[in-house]
Amino acid sequence: MKIVLASNNKGKLAELQAMFAPLGVELVRQSELGIPEAPEPFHTFVENALAKARHASELSGLPALADDAGLCVDAFGGLPGVQTAYYCTQFGYDKSDANNVRALLEQLRDEPQRRAAMVCTLVAVRSPLDPEPLIAVGRAVGEIAREPVGAGGFGFDPVMFIPEFGKTFGQLSDEVKNANSHRGKAARDMLRLMREYWI
């Protein structure tokens, strides 16, 4: 089965391809099909993911899978949330993973409450008007480290400290990270839903 991935993020594609391989699903990045990114005007992960999935399905004629993910920091009332990718821009930095980490550490410098969750919502649709989208949510709870540690992963992985491992996501192997990350948990649930409802 071929499914268009409503994302141009190579890191997400690599992670999801590895997780969906057992199902015999081939994920194709929307950019490979000439599909532009969809607007993400909503304030919740599920609404943005659904909009992206419907957009990719409509323009490709294929089933589509979309994710919306972000960092929810307790000290910030759950923000940056859906604005995670652009977090650093509100502090005058150019958009990049490194600047996002830099801005986050600056804003948390004197904050003792460092609990945070990485959240991923995956939405799959069979067609643009699918009335029964599949929705899977994964959360990985940890603490924001005082400085980046580890060169693995992407985004906030080097500062997302996971107490049960005593390491950041940036220090974990891809195999361990994929099994325990927010995206890994959401992907496993999505695989279950696809087996149950689509295959």
Foldseek 3Di string as FASTA:
>chain_A
DEAEELDPDPLLQVLLCVLCVVVVYHYHYLVVVVQDHFDQPDDAFVVSQLRSQLSSQAVPVAKYKYKQKAKQWVVVVGPPHSCQQVCQVVVPDDGDLVSSLVVVLVVCVPPPRFKMKIKMWMWIAGHSVRPDIDIFMFIQIAGFANDFDAQDDTRSQRGGQHVVVRHGNRNDDSVVCLCRHGSNRRSVVVVVVCVVPPD
